[in-house]
Amino acid sequence: MCGLGGIFSLGYDNLQQNSIRKFKVAFDEIRHRGPDHTKFVQSDNYVLGHHRLSIVDRTDASNQPFS
């Protein structure tokens, strides 16, 4: 099973680097849910992360998050 996580900011202030670092440390705790590929997508107001477990489609074309 894959692992998915994210954080976002509702305000006008950008995400702080400390918050992003804490998210990545916490997200690493579910690395076992998808050891085949890990990717982060970051913006001023959000960070998304995905750990992929390749079962059906093992090609890189199915890596997430899509952008």
PDB file of N, CA and C in Angstrom:
ATOM      1  N   MET A   1       0.842  -1.176   0.000  1.00  0.00           N
ATOM      2  CA  MET A   1       0.000   0.000   0.000  1.00  0.00           C
ATOM      3  C   MET A   1       0.886   1.236   0.000  1.00  0.00           C
ATOM      4  N   CYS A   2       0.481   2.248  -0.690  1.00  0.00           N
ATOM      5  CA  CYS A   2       1.243   3.497  -0.772  1.00  0.00           C
ATOM      6  C   CYS A   2       1.017   4.350   0.462  1.00  0.00           C
ATOM      7  N   GLY A   3       1.895   5.308   0.670  1.00  0.00           N
ATOM      8  CA  GLY A   3       1.755   6.264   1.754  1.00  0.00           C
ATOM      9  C   GLY A   3       1.649   7.658   1.179  1.00  0.00           C
ATOM     10  N   LEU A   4       0.706   8.442   1.679  1.00  0.00           N
ATOM     11  CA  LEU A   4       0.435   9.784   1.174  1.00  0.00           C
ATOM     12  C   LEU A   4       0.317  10.736   2.345  1.00  0.00           C
ATOM     13  N   GLY A   5       0.883  11.928   2.201  1.00  0.00           N
ATOM     14  CA  GLY A   5       0.780  12.924   3.252  1.00  0.00           C
ATOM     15  C   GLY A   5       0.948  14.313   2.704  1.00  0.00           C
ATOM     16  N   GLY A   6       0.580  15.293   3.505  1.00  0.00           N
ATOM     17  CA  GLY A   6       0.729  16.672   3.085  1.00  0.00           C
ATOM     18  C   GLY A   6       0.458  17.638   4.210  1.00  0.00           C
ATOM     19  N   ILE A   7       0.925  18.855   4.034  1.00  0.00           N
ATOM     20  CA  ILE A   7       0.603  19.964   4.928  1.00  0.00           C
ATOM     21  C   ILE A   7       0.301  21.169   4.058  1.00  0.00           C
ATOM     22  N   PHE A   8      -0.507  22.074   4.602  1.00  0.00           N
ATOM     23  CA  PHE A   8      -0.812  23.294   3.866  1.00  0.00           C
ATOM     24  C   PHE A   8      -1.057  24.432   4.832  1.00  0.00           C
ATOM     25  N   SER A   9      -0.959  25.639   4.325  1.00  0.00           N
ATOM     26  CA  SER A   9      -1.169  26.846   5.103  1.00  0.00           C
ATOM     27  C   SER A   9      -2.383  27.566   4.543  1.00  0.00           C
ATOM     28  N   LEU A  10      -3.341  27.889   5.414  1.00  0.00           N
ATOM     29  CA  LEU A  10      -4.540  28.613   4.982  1.00  0.00           C
ATOM     30  C   LEU A  10      -4.336  30.123   4.967  1.00  0.00           C
ATOM     31  N   GLY A  11      -3.318  30.594   5.655  1.00  0.00           N
ATOM     32  CA  GLY A  11      -3.090  32.023   5.757  1.00  0.00           C
ATOM     33  C   GLY A  11      -2.271  32.558   4.599  1.00  0.00           C
ATOM     34  N   TYR A  12      -1.958  33.830   4.697  1.00  0.00           N
ATOM     35  CA  TYR A  12      -1.151  34.475   3.663  1.00  0.00           C
ATOM     36  C   TYR A  12       0.336  34.250   3.871  1.00  0.00           C
ATOM     37  N   ASP A  13       0.681  33.751   5.046  1.00  0.00           N
ATOM     38  CA  ASP A  13       2.096  33.506   5.309  1.00  0.00           C
ATOM     39  C   ASP A  13       2.505  32.166   4.698  1.00  0.00           C
ATOM     40  N   ASN A  14       3.705  32.099   4.231  1.00  0.00           N
ATOM     41  CA  ASN A  14       4.218  30.876   3.623  1.00  0.00           C
ATOM     42  C   ASN A  14       4.554  29.847   4.691  1.00  0.00           C
ATOM     43  N   LEU A  15       4.633  28.600   4.277  1.00  0.00           N
ATOM     44  CA  LEU A  15       5.048  27.550   5.194  1.00  0.00           C
ATOM     45  C   LEU A  15       6.476  27.814   5.654  1.00  0.00           C
ATOM     46  N   GLN A  16       6.715  27.630   6.904  1.00  0.00           N
ATOM     47  CA  GLN A  16       8.041  27.827   7.460  1.00  0.00           C
ATOM     48  C   GLN A  16       8.904  26.595   7.188  1.00  0.00           C
ATOM     49  N   GLN A  17      10.197  26.785   7.008  1.00  0.00           N
ATOM     50  CA  GLN A  17      11.115  25.677   6.752  1.00  0.00           C
ATOM     51  C   GLN A  17      11.093  24.660   7.887  1.00  0.00           C
ATOM     52  N   ASN A  18      10.883  25.129   9.107  1.00  0.00           N
ATOM     53  CA  ASN A  18      10.811  24.220  10.247  1.00  0.00           C
ATOM     54  C   ASN A  18       9.611  23.281  10.112  1.00  0.00           C
ATOM     55  N   SER A  19       8.475  23.785   9.658  1.00  0.00           N
ATOM     56  CA  SER A  19       7.284  22.954   9.454  1.00  0.00           C
ATOM     57  C   SER A  19       7.519  21.923   8.360  1.00  0.00           C
ATOM     58  N   ILE A  20       8.177  22.322   7.297  1.00  0.00           N
ATOM     59  CA  ILE A  20       8.472  21.406   6.193  1.00  0.00           C
ATOM     60  C   ILE A  20       9.425  20.318   6.655  1.00  0.00           C
ATOM     61  N   ARG A  21      10.425  20.678   7.421  1.00  0.00           N
ATOM     62  CA  ARG A  21      11.379  19.699   7.939  1.00  0.00           C
ATOM     63  C   ARG A  21      10.681  18.699   8.869  1.00  0.00           C
ATOM     64  N   LYS A  22       9.806  19.176   9.742  1.00  0.00           N
ATOM     65  CA  LYS A  22       9.066  18.288  10.639  1.00  0.00           C
ATOM     66  C   LYS A  22       8.161  17.352   9.848  1.00  0.00           C
ATOM     67  N   PHE A  23       7.531  17.856   8.800  1.00  0.00           N
ATOM     68  CA  PHE A  23       6.683  17.011   7.962  1.00  0.00           C
ATOM     69  C   PHE A  23       7.497  15.888   7.330  1.00  0.00           C
ATOM     70  N   LYS A  24       8.650  16.218   6.784  1.00  0.00           N
ATOM     71  CA  LYS A  24       9.469  15.201   6.119  1.00  0.00           C
ATOM     72  C   LYS A  24       9.965  14.145   7.102  1.00  0.00           C
ATOM     73  N   VAL A  25      10.285  14.542   8.328  1.00  0.00           N
ATOM     74  CA  VAL A  25      10.700  13.579   9.344  1.00  0.00           C
ATOM     75  C   VAL A  25       9.532  12.659   9.696  1.00  0.00           C
ATOM     76  N   ALA A  26       8.350  13.229   9.903  1.00  0.00           N
ATOM     77  CA  ALA A  26       7.167  12.424  10.224  1.00  0.00           C
ATOM     78  C   ALA A  26       6.775  11.533   9.047  1.00  0.00           C
ATOM     79  N   PHE A  27       6.863  12.061   7.840  1.00  0.00           N
ATOM     80  CA  PHE A  27       6.489  11.303   6.652  1.00  0.00           C
ATOM     81  C   PHE A  27       7.428  10.131   6.428  1.00  0.00           C
ATOM     82  N   ASP A  28       8.661  10.272   6.843  1.00  0.00           N
ATOM     83  CA  ASP A  28       9.627   9.178   6.709  1.00  0.00           C
ATOM     84  C   ASP A  28       9.234   7.981   7.580  1.00  0.00           C
ATOM     85  N   GLU A  29       8.405   8.207   8.591  1.00  0.00           N
ATOM     86  CA  GLU A  29       7.955   7.122   9.461  1.00  0.00           C
ATOM     87  C   GLU A  29       7.055   6.128   8.727  1.00  0.00           C
ATOM     88  N   ILE A  30       6.447   6.527   7.618  1.00  0.00           N
ATOM     89  CA  ILE A  30       5.599   5.601   6.850  1.00  0.00           C
ATOM     90  C   ILE A  30       6.283   5.168   5.554  1.00  0.00           C
ATOM     91  N   ARG A  31       7.577   5.286   5.508  1.00  0.00           N
ATOM     92  CA  ARG A  31       8.348   4.883   4.323  1.00  0.00           C
ATOM     93  C   ARG A  31       8.122   3.414   3.969  1.00  0.00           C
ATOM     94  N   HIS A  32       7.886   2.586   4.958  1.00  0.00           N
ATOM     95  CA  HIS A  32       7.668   1.160   4.725  1.00  0.00           C
ATOM     96  C   HIS A  32       6.411   0.881   3.894  1.00  0.00           C
ATOM     97  N   ARG A  33       5.503   1.848   3.797  1.00  0.00           N
ATOM     98  CA  ARG A  33       4.275   1.651   3.030  1.00  0.00           C
ATOM     99  C   ARG A  33       4.505   1.774   1.530  1.00  0.00           C
ATOM    100  N   GLY A  34       5.616   2.331   1.133  1.00  0.00           N
ATOM    101  CA  GLY A  34       5.917   2.471  -0.290  1.00  0.00           C
ATOM    102  C   GLY A  34       7.392   2.654  -0.524  1.00  0.00           C
ATOM    103  N   PRO A  35       8.166   1.580  -0.469  1.00  0.00           N
ATOM    104  CA  PRO A  35       9.615   1.698  -0.559  1.00  0.00           C
ATOM    105  C   PRO A  35      10.170   1.850  -1.974  1.00  0.00           C
ATOM    106  N   ASP A  36       9.310   1.795  -3.000  1.00  0.00           N
ATOM    107  CA  ASP A  36       9.815   1.793  -4.372  1.00  0.00           C
ATOM    108  C   ASP A  36      10.123   3.179  -4.935  1.00  0.00           C
ATOM    109  N   HIS A  37       9.440   4.207  -4.462  1.00  0.00           N
ATOM    110  CA  HIS A  37       9.668   5.569  -4.979  1.00  0.00           C
ATOM    111  C   HIS A  37       9.089   6.565  -3.992  1.00  0.00           C
ATOM    112  N   THR A  38       9.806   7.652  -3.763  1.00  0.00           N
ATOM    113  CA  THR A  38       9.324   8.732  -2.895  1.00  0.00           C
ATOM    114  C   THR A  38       9.499  10.050  -3.616  1.00  0.00           C
ATOM    115  N   LYS A  39       8.479  10.897  -3.527  1.00  0.00           N
ATOM    116  CA  LYS A  39       8.555  12.207  -4.171  1.00  0.00           C
ATOM    117  C   LYS A  39       7.799  13.241  -3.342  1.00  0.00           C
ATOM    118  N   PHE A  40       8.344  14.459  -3.311  1.00  0.00           N
ATOM    119  CA  PHE A  40       7.707  15.596  -2.665  1.00  0.00           C
ATOM    120  C   PHE A  40       7.436  16.668  -3.705  1.00  0.00           C
ATOM    121  N   VAL A  41       6.306  17.334  -3.573  1.00  0.00           N
ATOM    122  CA  VAL A  41       5.974  18.494  -4.388  1.00  0.00           C
ATOM    123  C   VAL A  41       5.743  19.635  -3.411  1.00  0.00           C
ATOM    124  N   GLN A  42       6.428  20.749  -3.629  1.00  0.00           N
ATOM    125  CA  GLN A  42       6.371  21.848  -2.670  1.00  0.00           C
ATOM    126  C   GLN A  42       6.014  23.151  -3.359  1.00  0.00           C
ATOM    127  N   SER A  43       5.193  23.939  -2.683  1.00  0.00           N
ATOM    128  CA  SER A  43       4.818  25.276  -3.123  1.00  0.00           C
ATOM    129  C   SER A  43       4.964  26.194  -1.916  1.00  0.00           C
ATOM    130  N   ASP A  44       4.592  27.454  -2.079  1.00  0.00           N
ATOM    131  CA  ASP A  44       4.645  28.378  -0.945  1.00  0.00           C
ATOM    132  C   ASP A  44       3.643  28.005   0.143  1.00  0.00           C
ATOM    133  N   ASN A  45       2.519  27.394  -0.239  1.00  0.00           N
ATOM    134  CA  ASN A  45       1.445  27.124   0.712  1.00  0.00           C
ATOM    135  C   ASN A  45       1.198  25.652   1.003  1.00  0.00           C
ATOM    136  N   TYR A  46       1.899  24.740   0.357  1.00  0.00           N
ATOM    137  CA  TYR A  46       1.660  23.324   0.619  1.00  0.00           C
ATOM    138  C   TYR A  46       2.894  22.472   0.315  1.00  0.00           C
ATOM    139  N   VAL A  47       2.903  21.287   0.910  1.00  0.00           N
ATOM    140  CA  VAL A  47       3.878  20.240   0.606  1.00  0.00           C
ATOM    141  C   VAL A  47       3.090  18.936   0.524  1.00  0.00           C
ATOM    142  N   LEU A  48       3.276  18.192  -0.560  1.00  0.00           N
ATOM    143  CA  LEU A  48       2.669  16.877  -0.729  1.00  0.00           C
ATOM    144  C   LEU A  48       3.785  15.854  -0.847  1.00  0.00           C
ATOM    145  N   GLY A  49       3.566  14.694  -0.256  1.00  0.00           N
ATOM    146  CA  GLY A  49       4.538  13.618  -0.355  1.00  0.00           C
ATOM    147  C   GLY A  49       3.854  12.304  -0.655  1.00  0.00           C
ATOM    148  N   HIS A  50       4.545  11.447  -1.397  1.00  0.00           N
ATOM    149  CA  HIS A  50       3.983  10.158  -1.775  1.00  0.00           C
ATOM    150  C   HIS A  50       5.076   9.102  -1.760  1.00  0.00           C
ATOM    151  N   HIS A  51       4.838   8.020  -1.000  1.00  0.00           N
ATOM    152  CA  HIS A  51       5.690   6.833  -1.026  1.00  0.00           C
ATOM    153  C   HIS A  51       4.956   5.806  -1.877  1.00  0.00           C
ATOM    154  N   ARG A  52       5.601   5.291  -2.907  1.00  0.00           N
ATOM    155  CA  ARG A  52       4.936   4.386  -3.838  1.00  0.00           C
ATOM    156  C   ARG A  52       5.381   2.941  -3.643  1.00  0.00           C
ATOM    157  N   LEU A  53       4.395   2.062  -3.605  1.00  0.00           N
ATOM    158  CA  LEU A  53       4.628   0.628  -3.631  1.00  0.00           C
ATOM    159  C   LEU A  53       4.204   0.136  -5.004  1.00  0.00           C
ATOM    160  N   SER A  54       5.163  -0.298  -5.813  1.00  0.00           N
ATOM    161  CA  SER A  54       4.892  -0.734  -7.186  1.00  0.00           C
ATOM    162  C   SER A  54       4.431  -2.189  -7.176  1.00  0.00           C
ATOM    163  N   ILE A  55       3.177  -2.412  -7.541  1.00  0.00           N
ATOM    164  CA  ILE A  55       2.651  -3.770  -7.611  1.00  0.00           C
ATOM    165  C   ILE A  55       2.223  -4.091  -9.039  1.00  0.00           C
ATOM    166  N   VAL A  56       1.322  -3.304  -9.592  1.00  0.00           N
ATOM    167  CA  VAL A  56       0.778  -3.591 -10.916  1.00  0.00           C
ATOM    168  C   VAL A  56       1.662  -2.999 -12.016  1.00  0.00           C
ATOM    169  N   ASP A  57       1.847  -1.683 -11.985  1.00  0.00           N
ATOM    170  CA  ASP A  57       2.645  -0.990 -13.001  1.00  0.00           C
ATOM    171  C   ASP A  57       3.977  -0.603 -12.377  1.00  0.00           C
ATOM    172  N   ARG A  58       5.040  -1.244 -12.785  1.00  0.00           N
ATOM    173  CA  ARG A  58       6.358  -0.990 -12.194  1.00  0.00           C
ATOM    174  C   ARG A  58       7.159   0.082 -12.932  1.00  0.00           C
ATOM    175  N   THR A  59       6.560   0.725 -13.941  1.00  0.00           N
ATOM    176  CA  THR A  59       7.288   1.746 -14.694  1.00  0.00           C
ATOM    177  C   THR A  59       7.295   3.068 -13.940  1.00  0.00           C
ATOM    178  N   ASP A  60       8.239   3.937 -14.287  1.00  0.00           N
ATOM    179  CA  ASP A  60       8.319   5.261 -13.679  1.00  0.00           C
ATOM    180  C   ASP A  60       7.157   6.165 -14.081  1.00  0.00           C
ATOM    181  N   ALA A  61       6.430   5.803 -15.132  1.00  0.00           N
ATOM    182  CA  ALA A  61       5.306   6.621 -15.601  1.00  0.00           C
ATOM    183  C   ALA A  61       4.189   6.712 -14.558  1.00  0.00           C
ATOM    184  N   SER A  62       4.158   5.799 -13.612  1.00  0.00           N
ATOM    185  CA  SER A  62       3.110   5.805 -12.586  1.00  0.00           C
ATOM    186  C   SER A  62       3.545   6.420 -11.271  1.00  0.00           C
ATOM    187  N   ASN A  63       4.734   7.002 -11.224  1.00  0.00           N
ATOM    188  CA  ASN A  63       5.174   7.658  -9.999  1.00  0.00           C
ATOM    189  C   ASN A  63       4.290   8.852  -9.694  1.00  0.00           C
ATOM    190  N   GLN A  64       4.056   9.083  -8.415  1.00  0.00           N
ATOM    191  CA  GLN A  64       3.198  10.179  -7.988  1.00  0.00           C
ATOM    192  C   GLN A  64       3.964  11.026  -6.983  1.00  0.00           C
ATOM    193  N   PRO A  65       3.542  12.214  -6.634  1.00  0.00           N
ATOM    194  CA  PRO A  65       2.393  12.926  -7.174  1.00  0.00           C
ATOM    195  C   PRO A  65       2.666  13.412  -8.590  1.00  0.00           C
ATOM    196  N   PHE A  66       1.645  13.343  -9.403  1.00  0.00           N
ATOM    197  CA  PHE A  66       1.746  13.829 -10.779  1.00  0.00           C
ATOM    198  C   PHE A  66       1.829  15.354 -10.760  1.00  0.00           C
ATOM    199  N   SER A  67       2.555  15.907 -11.703  1.00  0.00           N
ATOM    200  CA  SER A  67       2.598  17.374 -11.798  1.00  0.00           C
ATOM    201  C   SER A  67       2.490  17.804 -13.231  1.00  0.00           C
TER     202      SER A  67
END
